[in-house]
């Protein structure tokens, strides 16, 4: 990374983070990605695949697609008058749902596979740990 800040980097990769109206929650999303990235072996977040079996499908595109699908679904339900969605929480959940993949996967000798963490923890355990640590007393825990 050049002179780009971690916030600018995460916002560039995940543009919907800018839609989170609560600045504290937005900062926690950035902090979650920063923490997982620093704990990983990836030089760039966008180098991590969504799965070692699908190395051409990157994690960033997957997370953005899931977040955008969740927002589209929320729009549809709200249009039917079925519910009101807390968009800050929805976007946060979409953006953080797979941060553990940064530490679960690695590239070694040109091949993608599970890291040592990935062989020891079930999927999303690390993500849950990060979210609980970043949000000791707010609605993300509930």
Protein backbone atom coordinates (compact mmCIF):
# COMPACT_ATOMS: atom_id res chain seq x y z
CA UNK A 1 0.00 0.00 0.00
CA UNK A 2 1.26 3.47 -0.79
CA UNK A 3 -0.03 6.48 1.12
CA UNK A 4 -3.57 5.14 1.19
CA UNK A 5 -4.87 4.83 4.76
CA UNK A 6 -6.43 1.60 5.99
CA UNK A 7 -9.83 3.33 6.00
CA UNK A 8 -9.41 4.45 2.38
CA UNK A 9 -8.22 0.97 1.42
CA UNK A 10 -11.16 -0.83 3.03
CA UNK A 11 -13.63 1.71 1.62
CA UNK A 12 -12.15 1.25 -1.86
CA UNK A 13 -12.47 -2.53 -1.65
CA UNK A 14 -15.88 -2.47 0.03
CA UNK A 15 -17.72 0.70 -1.12
CA UNK A 16 -20.89 -0.09 0.86
CA UNK A 17 -18.99 0.59 4.09
CA UNK A 18 -19.56 4.27 3.26
CA UNK A 19 -23.32 3.67 3.50
CA UNK A 20 -23.07 2.85 7.22
CA UNK A 21 -24.48 5.98 8.84
CA UNK A 22 -23.08 5.31 12.33
CA UNK A 23 -19.43 6.47 12.23
CA UNK A 24 -18.49 4.26 15.19
CA UNK A 25 -19.90 1.16 13.50
CA UNK A 26 -18.24 2.11 10.20
CA UNK A 27 -14.90 2.41 12.03
CA UNK A 28 -15.43 -1.02 13.59
CA UNK A 29 -15.94 -2.58 10.17
CA UNK A 30 -12.65 -1.06 9.01
CA UNK A 31 -10.95 -2.21 12.22
CA UNK A 32 -12.29 -5.74 11.74
CA UNK A 33 -10.83 -5.98 8.24
CA UNK A 34 -7.56 -4.43 9.39
CA UNK A 35 -7.25 -6.87 12.27
CA UNK A 36 -7.98 -9.94 10.16
CA UNK A 37 -5.64 -8.76 7.40
CA UNK A 38 -2.76 -8.11 9.82
CA UNK A 39 -3.25 -11.60 11.29
CA UNK A 40 -3.12 -13.15 7.82
CA UNK A 41 -0.32 -13.94 5.39
CA UNK A 42 -1.90 -11.97 2.51
CA UNK A 43 -0.02 -8.95 1.15
CA UNK A 44 -3.33 -7.49 -0.03
CA UNK A 45 -6.86 -8.33 1.07
CA UNK A 46 -7.91 -8.73 -2.57
CA UNK A 47 -5.39 -11.57 -3.05
CA UNK A 48 -7.38 -13.89 -0.79
CA UNK A 49 -9.74 -16.26 -2.64
CA UNK A 50 -13.28 -16.90 -1.46
CA UNK A 51 -12.28 -20.58 -1.38
CA UNK A 52 -9.02 -22.46 -1.98
CA UNK A 53 -10.99 -24.60 -4.46
CA UNK A 54 -11.98 -21.47 -6.43
CA UNK A 55 -8.81 -19.36 -6.41
CA UNK A 56 -10.00 -17.15 -9.29
CA UNK A 57 -13.05 -16.07 -7.26
CA UNK A 58 -11.75 -13.49 -4.82
CA UNK A 59 -13.03 -12.83 -1.33
CA UNK A 60 -13.60 -9.10 -1.95
CA UNK A 61 -15.99 -9.73 -4.87
CA UNK A 62 -17.81 -12.39 -2.86
CA UNK A 63 -18.27 -10.13 0.19
CA UNK A 64 -19.47 -7.26 -2.00
CA UNK A 65 -21.93 -9.55 -3.82
CA UNK A 66 -23.35 -10.95 -0.56
CA UNK A 67 -23.72 -7.46 0.92
CA UNK A 68 -25.41 -6.12 -2.22
CA UNK A 69 -27.76 -9.12 -2.38
CA UNK A 70 -28.72 -8.60 1.26
CA UNK A 71 -29.48 -4.94 0.56
CA UNK A 72 -31.59 -5.85 -2.50
CA UNK A 73 -33.54 -8.37 -0.43
CA UNK A 74 -34.09 -5.76 2.29
CA UNK A 75 -35.36 -3.33 -0.36
CA UNK A 76 -37.83 -5.94 -1.63
CA UNK A 77 -39.20 -6.74 1.83
CA UNK A 78 -39.44 -3.07 2.74
CA UNK A 79 -41.29 -2.35 -0.54
CA UNK A 80 -43.87 -5.00 0.40
CA UNK A 81 -44.32 -3.32 3.78
CA UNK A 82 -43.18 -6.47 5.56
CA UNK A 83 -40.43 -4.97 7.68
CA UNK A 84 -38.03 -2.15 8.27
CA UNK A 85 -34.39 -3.15 8.10
CA UNK A 86 -31.55 -1.65 10.12
CA UNK A 87 -29.30 -1.05 7.13
CA UNK A 88 -26.24 -0.28 9.27
CA UNK A 89 -26.44 -3.72 10.88
CA UNK A 90 -27.25 -5.44 7.58
CA UNK A 91 -24.30 -3.86 5.77
CA UNK A 92 -21.99 -4.56 8.71
CA UNK A 93 -23.03 -8.22 8.81
CA UNK A 94 -22.57 -8.56 5.06
CA UNK A 95 -19.15 -6.96 5.12
CA UNK A 96 -17.84 -8.93 8.09
CA UNK A 97 -19.41 -12.33 7.45
CA UNK A 98 -16.27 -13.84 5.90
CA UNK A 99 -13.35 -11.90 7.38
CA UNK A 100 -12.11 -15.13 8.92
CA UNK A 101 -11.19 -16.40 5.45
CA UNK A 102 -8.18 -14.08 5.55
CA UNK A 103 -6.69 -16.20 8.32
CA UNK A 104 -8.25 -19.53 7.30
CA UNK A 105 -6.64 -19.61 3.84
CA UNK A 106 -3.11 -19.15 2.55
CA UNK A 107 -1.08 -19.52 -0.59
CA UNK A 108 1.99 -21.70 -0.26
CA UNK A 109 4.24 -22.89 -3.07
CA UNK A 110 1.80 -21.45 -5.61
CA UNK A 111 -1.15 -23.43 -4.25
CA UNK A 112 -4.12 -22.27 -2.19
CA UNK A 113 -5.17 -24.18 0.90
CA UNK A 114 -6.06 -23.99 4.54
CA UNK A 115 -3.68 -22.21 6.87
CA UNK A 116 -2.78 -23.62 10.26
CA UNK A 117 -5.62 -21.55 11.74
CA UNK A 118 -7.95 -22.87 9.04
CA UNK A 119 -7.16 -26.46 9.99
CA UNK A 120 -7.84 -25.82 13.69
CA UNK A 121 -10.90 -23.56 13.71
CA UNK A 122 -14.29 -24.09 12.13
CA UNK A 123 -15.24 -21.50 9.52
CA UNK A 124 -16.27 -18.13 10.97
CA UNK A 125 -14.95 -18.76 14.49
CA UNK A 126 -12.25 -16.12 13.98
CA UNK A 127 -14.79 -13.66 12.50
CA UNK A 128 -17.05 -14.17 15.50
CA UNK A 129 -14.12 -13.56 17.85
CA UNK A 130 -13.22 -10.31 16.06
CA UNK A 131 -16.82 -9.02 16.07
CA UNK A 132 -17.31 -9.85 19.75
CA UNK A 133 -14.01 -8.20 20.63
CA UNK A 134 -14.81 -5.03 18.66
CA UNK A 135 -18.35 -4.74 19.99
CA UNK A 136 -18.41 -5.59 23.70
CA UNK A 137 -21.81 -4.03 24.36
CA UNK A 138 -23.79 -3.23 21.23
CA UNK A 139 -26.42 -4.68 18.96
CA UNK A 140 -23.98 -6.70 16.87
CA UNK A 141 -23.65 -9.05 19.84
CA UNK A 142 -27.39 -9.58 20.19
